[in-house]
Amino acid sequence: MKIYSFRFLQNIPVGLDEAWAFFSSPFNLAKITPSVGFSITSDIKPDEIMYPGILISYRVAPLAGIKMNWLTEITHIREKEYFVDEQRFGPFAFWHHQHHFKEIEGGITMEDILTYAIPYGFIGRIVNSLAVEKKVLDIFKTREKKINEIFNSSAGSDTI
């Protein structure tokens, strides 16, 4: 199984409390990733506080509008520092997404570390190179723009 990894950095001109409140709510995921069509299907409430072990189910359409179920678990949290979501069921063979937050002058730096794998061996590697990797990069590029719109920012970002 081939593992793919990306690191995304974005500076946002907001305080850590505001950033944490926004990004730790699964209900804001649809706002920053509209191209995937996230809709929460679990019965969590908008004011429910995220905790390690919480399972969140979604309906997504990541490629070609094909709808799928996706179940993630928040596995680690250090409040106002980081949280980790991992796929338990969904389109990937493996999905591990770290969200890190650090105060900087004038706001925060948000760092996402994404590690994933595609099922189906050699065929999966071809599908990744033809479509999935481009879609992942597009999702994070769109997310960057949406975050800038939401927080009224033109701050830069970086993909590593």
C-alpha atoms as a PDB file:
ATOM      1  CA  MET A   1       0.000   0.000   0.000  1.00  0.00           C
ATOM      2  CA  LYS A   2       1.441   3.355  -1.076  1.00  0.00           C
ATOM      3  CA  ILE A   3       1.143   6.173   1.483  1.00  0.00           C
ATOM      4  CA  TYR A   4       0.706   9.800   0.355  1.00  0.00           C
ATOM      5  CA  SER A   5       1.428  12.781   2.567  1.00  0.00           C
ATOM      6  CA  PHE A   6       0.856  16.526   2.347  1.00  0.00           C
ATOM      7  CA  ARG A   7       1.429  19.425   4.677  1.00  0.00           C
ATOM      8  CA  PHE A   8      -0.594  22.625   4.332  1.00  0.00           C
ATOM      9  CA  LEU A   9       0.151  25.873   6.201  1.00  0.00           C
ATOM     10  CA  GLN A  10      -2.134  28.887   6.411  1.00  0.00           C
ATOM     11  CA  ASN A  11      -1.885  32.095   8.412  1.00  0.00           C
ATOM     12  CA  ILE A  12      -5.220  33.430   9.634  1.00  0.00           C
ATOM     13  CA  PRO A  13      -5.673  36.842  11.293  1.00  0.00           C
ATOM     14  CA  VAL A  14      -7.787  35.657  14.246  1.00  0.00           C
ATOM     15  CA  GLY A  15      -7.150  34.765  17.837  1.00  0.00           C
ATOM     16  CA  LEU A  16      -6.550  31.196  18.915  1.00  0.00           C
ATOM     17  CA  ASP A  17      -9.874  30.988  20.779  1.00  0.00           C
ATOM     18  CA  GLU A  18     -11.868  31.985  17.687  1.00  0.00           C
ATOM     19  CA  ALA A  19      -9.877  29.685  15.404  1.00  0.00           C
ATOM     20  CA  TRP A  20     -10.270  26.726  17.749  1.00  0.00           C
ATOM     21  CA  ALA A  21     -14.020  27.315  18.145  1.00  0.00           C
ATOM     22  CA  PHE A  22     -14.470  27.394  14.376  1.00  0.00           C
ATOM     23  CA  PHE A  23     -12.217  24.537  13.261  1.00  0.00           C
ATOM     24  CA  SER A  24     -13.079  22.117  16.060  1.00  0.00           C
ATOM     25  CA  SER A  25     -16.750  22.143  15.017  1.00  0.00           C
ATOM     26  CA  PRO A  26     -17.543  19.505  12.382  1.00  0.00           C
ATOM     27  CA  PHE A  27     -20.461  21.677  11.262  1.00  0.00           C
ATOM     28  CA  ASN A  28     -18.008  24.157   9.744  1.00  0.00           C
ATOM     29  CA  LEU A  29     -16.441  21.525   7.497  1.00  0.00           C
ATOM     30  CA  ALA A  30     -19.132  22.003   4.844  1.00  0.00           C
ATOM     31  CA  LYS A  31     -18.460  25.763   4.845  1.00  0.00           C
ATOM     32  CA  ILE A  32     -14.779  25.360   4.011  1.00  0.00           C
ATOM     33  CA  THR A  33     -15.021  22.370   1.653  1.00  0.00           C
ATOM     34  CA  PRO A  34     -18.095  22.995  -0.507  1.00  0.00           C
ATOM     35  CA  SER A  35     -16.732  21.007  -3.469  1.00  0.00           C
ATOM     36  CA  VAL A  36     -17.070  17.738  -1.549  1.00  0.00           C
ATOM     37  CA  GLY A  37     -20.696  18.183  -0.491  1.00  0.00           C
ATOM     38  CA  PHE A  38     -20.239  17.275   3.181  1.00  0.00           C
ATOM     39  CA  SER A  39     -23.394  16.674   5.148  1.00  0.00           C
ATOM     40  CA  ILE A  40     -23.289  15.327   8.689  1.00  0.00           C
ATOM     41  CA  THR A  41     -25.436  12.236   9.151  1.00  0.00           C
ATOM     42  CA  SER A  42     -24.637  11.438  12.792  1.00  0.00           C
ATOM     43  CA  ASP A  43     -26.832  12.926  15.462  1.00  0.00           C
ATOM     44  CA  ILE A  44     -24.273  15.242  17.032  1.00  0.00           C
ATOM     45  CA  LYS A  45     -25.494  18.728  17.878  1.00  0.00           C
ATOM     46  CA  PRO A  46     -23.932  22.001  16.626  1.00  0.00           C
ATOM     47  CA  ASP A  47     -22.999  22.994  20.189  1.00  0.00           C
ATOM     48  CA  GLU A  48     -21.550  19.587  21.093  1.00  0.00           C
ATOM     49  CA  ILE A  49     -17.916  19.793  22.127  1.00  0.00           C
ATOM     50  CA  MET A  50     -15.518  17.538  20.269  1.00  0.00           C
ATOM     51  CA  TYR A  51     -13.779  14.882  22.379  1.00  0.00           C
ATOM     52  CA  PRO A  52     -11.390  11.967  21.737  1.00  0.00           C
ATOM     53  CA  GLY A  53     -13.427   9.001  20.570  1.00  0.00           C
ATOM     54  CA  ILE A  54     -16.317  10.941  19.052  1.00  0.00           C
ATOM     55  CA  LEU A  55     -17.494   9.364  15.800  1.00  0.00           C
ATOM     56  CA  ILE A  56     -18.821  11.651  13.080  1.00  0.00           C
ATOM     57  CA  SER A  57     -20.560  10.262  10.034  1.00  0.00           C
ATOM     58  CA  TYR A  58     -20.890  12.215   6.802  1.00  0.00           C
ATOM     59  CA  ARG A  59     -22.301  11.860   3.369  1.00  0.00           C
ATOM     60  CA  VAL A  60     -19.713  13.071   0.821  1.00  0.00           C
ATOM     61  CA  ALA A  61     -19.308  13.244  -2.942  1.00  0.00           C
ATOM     62  CA  PRO A  62     -15.528  13.488  -3.386  1.00  0.00           C
ATOM     63  CA  LEU A  63     -15.204  12.389  -7.022  1.00  0.00           C
ATOM     64  CA  ALA A  64     -17.549  12.834  -9.970  1.00  0.00           C
ATOM     65  CA  GLY A  65     -20.503  13.574  -7.683  1.00  0.00           C
ATOM     66  CA  ILE A  66     -20.620   9.966  -6.463  1.00  0.00           C
ATOM     67  CA  LYS A  67     -22.131   9.995  -2.959  1.00  0.00           C
ATOM     68  CA  MET A  68     -20.499   7.881  -0.250  1.00  0.00           C
ATOM     69  CA  ASN A  69     -20.642   7.417   3.487  1.00  0.00           C
ATOM     70  CA  TRP A  70     -17.640   8.480   5.537  1.00  0.00           C
ATOM     71  CA  LEU A  71     -17.105   7.796   9.229  1.00  0.00           C
ATOM     72  CA  THR A  72     -14.305   9.573  11.073  1.00  0.00           C
ATOM     73  CA  GLU A  73     -13.140   9.361  14.654  1.00  0.00           C
ATOM     74  CA  ILE A  74     -11.489  12.210  16.512  1.00  0.00           C
ATOM     75  CA  THR A  75      -8.635  10.265  18.058  1.00  0.00           C
ATOM     76  CA  HIS A  76      -6.521  12.938  19.755  1.00  0.00           C
ATOM     77  CA  ILE A  77      -7.161  16.427  21.063  1.00  0.00           C
ATOM     78  CA  ARG A  78      -5.049  18.942  22.900  1.00  0.00           C
ATOM     79  CA  GLU A  79      -7.369  21.906  23.233  1.00  0.00           C
ATOM     80  CA  LYS A  80      -6.289  24.969  21.252  1.00  0.00           C
ATOM     81  CA  GLU A  81      -3.210  23.102  19.985  1.00  0.00           C
ATOM     82  CA  TYR A  82      -4.282  20.205  17.764  1.00  0.00           C
ATOM     83  CA  PHE A  83      -6.766  17.488  16.978  1.00  0.00           C
ATOM     84  CA  VAL A  84      -6.588  14.401  14.775  1.00  0.00           C
ATOM     85  CA  ASP A  85      -9.318  12.799  12.691  1.00  0.00           C
ATOM     86  CA  GLU A  86      -8.989   9.300  11.287  1.00  0.00           C
ATOM     87  CA  GLN A  87     -11.276   7.541   8.841  1.00  0.00           C
ATOM     88  CA  ARG A  88     -12.986   4.457  10.231  1.00  0.00           C
ATOM     89  CA  PHE A  89     -15.084   3.800   7.126  1.00  0.00           C
ATOM     90  CA  GLY A  90     -15.011   5.525   3.758  1.00  0.00           C
ATOM     91  CA  PRO A  91     -13.328   5.920   0.400  1.00  0.00           C
ATOM     92  CA  PHE A  92      -9.708   5.638   1.577  1.00  0.00           C
ATOM     93  CA  ALA A  93      -7.723   2.609   2.700  1.00  0.00           C
ATOM     94  CA  PHE A  94      -6.130   4.931   5.273  1.00  0.00           C
ATOM     95  CA  TRP A  95      -6.808   8.543   6.333  1.00  0.00           C
ATOM     96  CA  HIS A  96      -5.000  10.383   9.117  1.00  0.00           C
ATOM     97  CA  HIS A  97      -5.480  14.164   9.301  1.00  0.00           C
ATOM     98  CA  GLN A  98      -3.734  16.303  11.913  1.00  0.00           C
ATOM     99  CA  HIS A  99      -4.918  19.887  12.520  1.00  0.00           C
ATOM    100  CA  HIS A 100      -2.385  22.067  14.408  1.00  0.00           C
ATOM    101  CA  PHE A 101      -2.850  25.648  15.623  1.00  0.00           C
ATOM    102  CA  LYS A 102      -0.143  28.023  16.797  1.00  0.00           C
ATOM    103  CA  GLU A 103      -0.384  31.649  17.839  1.00  0.00           C
ATOM    104  CA  ILE A 104       1.731  34.046  15.817  1.00  0.00           C
ATOM    105  CA  GLU A 105       1.906  37.804  15.696  1.00  0.00           C
ATOM    106  CA  GLY A 106      -1.375  39.021  14.240  1.00  0.00           C
ATOM    107  CA  GLY A 107      -3.213  35.700  14.412  1.00  0.00           C
ATOM    108  CA  ILE A 108      -2.540  31.998  14.104  1.00  0.00           C
ATOM    109  CA  THR A 109      -0.822  29.546  11.816  1.00  0.00           C
ATOM    110  CA  MET A 110      -2.905  26.517  11.007  1.00  0.00           C
ATOM    111  CA  GLU A 111      -1.006  23.460   9.847  1.00  0.00           C
ATOM    112  CA  ASP A 112      -2.694  20.417   8.366  1.00  0.00           C
ATOM    113  CA  ILE A 113      -0.755  17.196   7.981  1.00  0.00           C
ATOM    114  CA  LEU A 114      -2.640  14.737   5.819  1.00  0.00           C
ATOM    115  CA  THR A 115      -1.573  11.134   5.272  1.00  0.00           C
ATOM    116  CA  TYR A 116      -3.707   8.793   3.199  1.00  0.00           C
ATOM    117  CA  ALA A 117      -3.683   5.641   1.110  1.00  0.00           C
ATOM    118  CA  ILE A 118      -5.937   4.452  -1.691  1.00  0.00           C
ATOM    119  CA  PRO A 119      -7.236   0.865  -1.795  1.00  0.00           C
ATOM    120  CA  TYR A 120      -6.791  -1.567  -4.706  1.00  0.00           C
ATOM    121  CA  GLY A 121      -2.986  -1.650  -4.964  1.00  0.00           C
ATOM    122  CA  PHE A 122      -1.616  -0.798  -8.411  1.00  0.00           C
ATOM    123  CA  ILE A 123      -5.040   0.328  -9.691  1.00  0.00           C
ATOM    124  CA  GLY A 124      -5.392   2.592  -6.641  1.00  0.00           C
ATOM    125  CA  ARG A 125      -1.998   4.179  -7.375  1.00  0.00           C
ATOM    126  CA  ILE A 126      -3.128   4.940 -10.924  1.00  0.00           C
ATOM    127  CA  VAL A 127      -6.432   6.394  -9.695  1.00  0.00           C
ATOM    128  CA  ASN A 128      -4.524   8.504  -7.170  1.00  0.00           C
ATOM    129  CA  SER A 129      -2.198   9.923  -9.836  1.00  0.00           C
ATOM    130  CA  LEU A 130      -5.051  10.570 -12.280  1.00  0.00           C
ATOM    131  CA  ALA A 131      -7.687  11.964  -9.931  1.00  0.00           C
ATOM    132  CA  VAL A 132      -7.420  11.631  -6.162  1.00  0.00           C
ATOM    133  CA  GLU A 133      -4.221  13.610  -5.532  1.00  0.00           C
ATOM    134  CA  LYS A 134      -5.501  16.461  -7.730  1.00  0.00           C
ATOM    135  CA  LYS A 135      -8.829  16.415  -5.889  1.00  0.00           C
ATOM    136  CA  VAL A 136      -7.114  16.492  -2.473  1.00  0.00           C
ATOM    137  CA  LEU A 137      -4.977  19.460  -3.539  1.00  0.00           C
ATOM    138  CA  ASP A 138      -8.036  21.199  -5.010  1.00  0.00           C
ATOM    139  CA  ILE A 139      -9.997  20.644  -1.787  1.00  0.00           C
ATOM    140  CA  PHE A 140      -7.256  22.275   0.288  1.00  0.00           C
ATOM    141  CA  LYS A 141      -6.822  25.138  -2.210  1.00  0.00           C
ATOM    142  CA  THR A 142     -10.574  25.818  -2.119  1.00  0.00           C
ATOM    143  CA  ARG A 143     -10.514  25.501   1.651  1.00  0.00           C
ATOM    144  CA  GLU A 144      -7.760  28.121   1.840  1.00  0.00           C
ATOM    145  CA  LYS A 145      -9.881  30.557  -0.204  1.00  0.00           C
ATOM    146  CA  LYS A 146     -13.002  29.899   1.875  1.00  0.00           C
ATOM    147  CA  ILE A 147     -11.088  30.393   5.129  1.00  0.00           C
ATOM    148  CA  ASN A 148      -9.711  33.684   3.791  1.00  0.00           C
ATOM    149  CA  GLU A 149     -13.264  34.767   2.908  1.00  0.00           C
ATOM    150  CA  ILE A 150     -14.686  33.741   6.290  1.00  0.00           C
ATOM    151  CA  PHE A 151     -11.924  35.439   8.269  1.00  0.00           C
ATOM    152  CA  ASN A 152     -11.565  38.374   5.861  1.00  0.00           C
ATOM    153  CA  SER A 153      -7.959  37.571   5.166  1.00  0.00           C
ATOM    154  CA  SER A 154      -5.561  37.641   2.266  1.00  0.00           C
ATOM    155  CA  ALA A 155      -2.816  35.908   4.226  1.00  0.00           C
ATOM    156  CA  GLY A 156      -0.764  33.375   2.342  1.00  0.00           C
ATOM    157  CA  SER A 157      -0.522  29.647   2.640  1.00  0.00           C
ATOM    158  CA  ASP A 158       1.836  26.929   1.579  1.00  0.00           C
ATOM    159  CA  THR A 159       1.691  23.292   0.531  1.00  0.00           C
ATOM    160  CA  ILE A 160       4.685  21.163   1.325  1.00  0.00           C
END
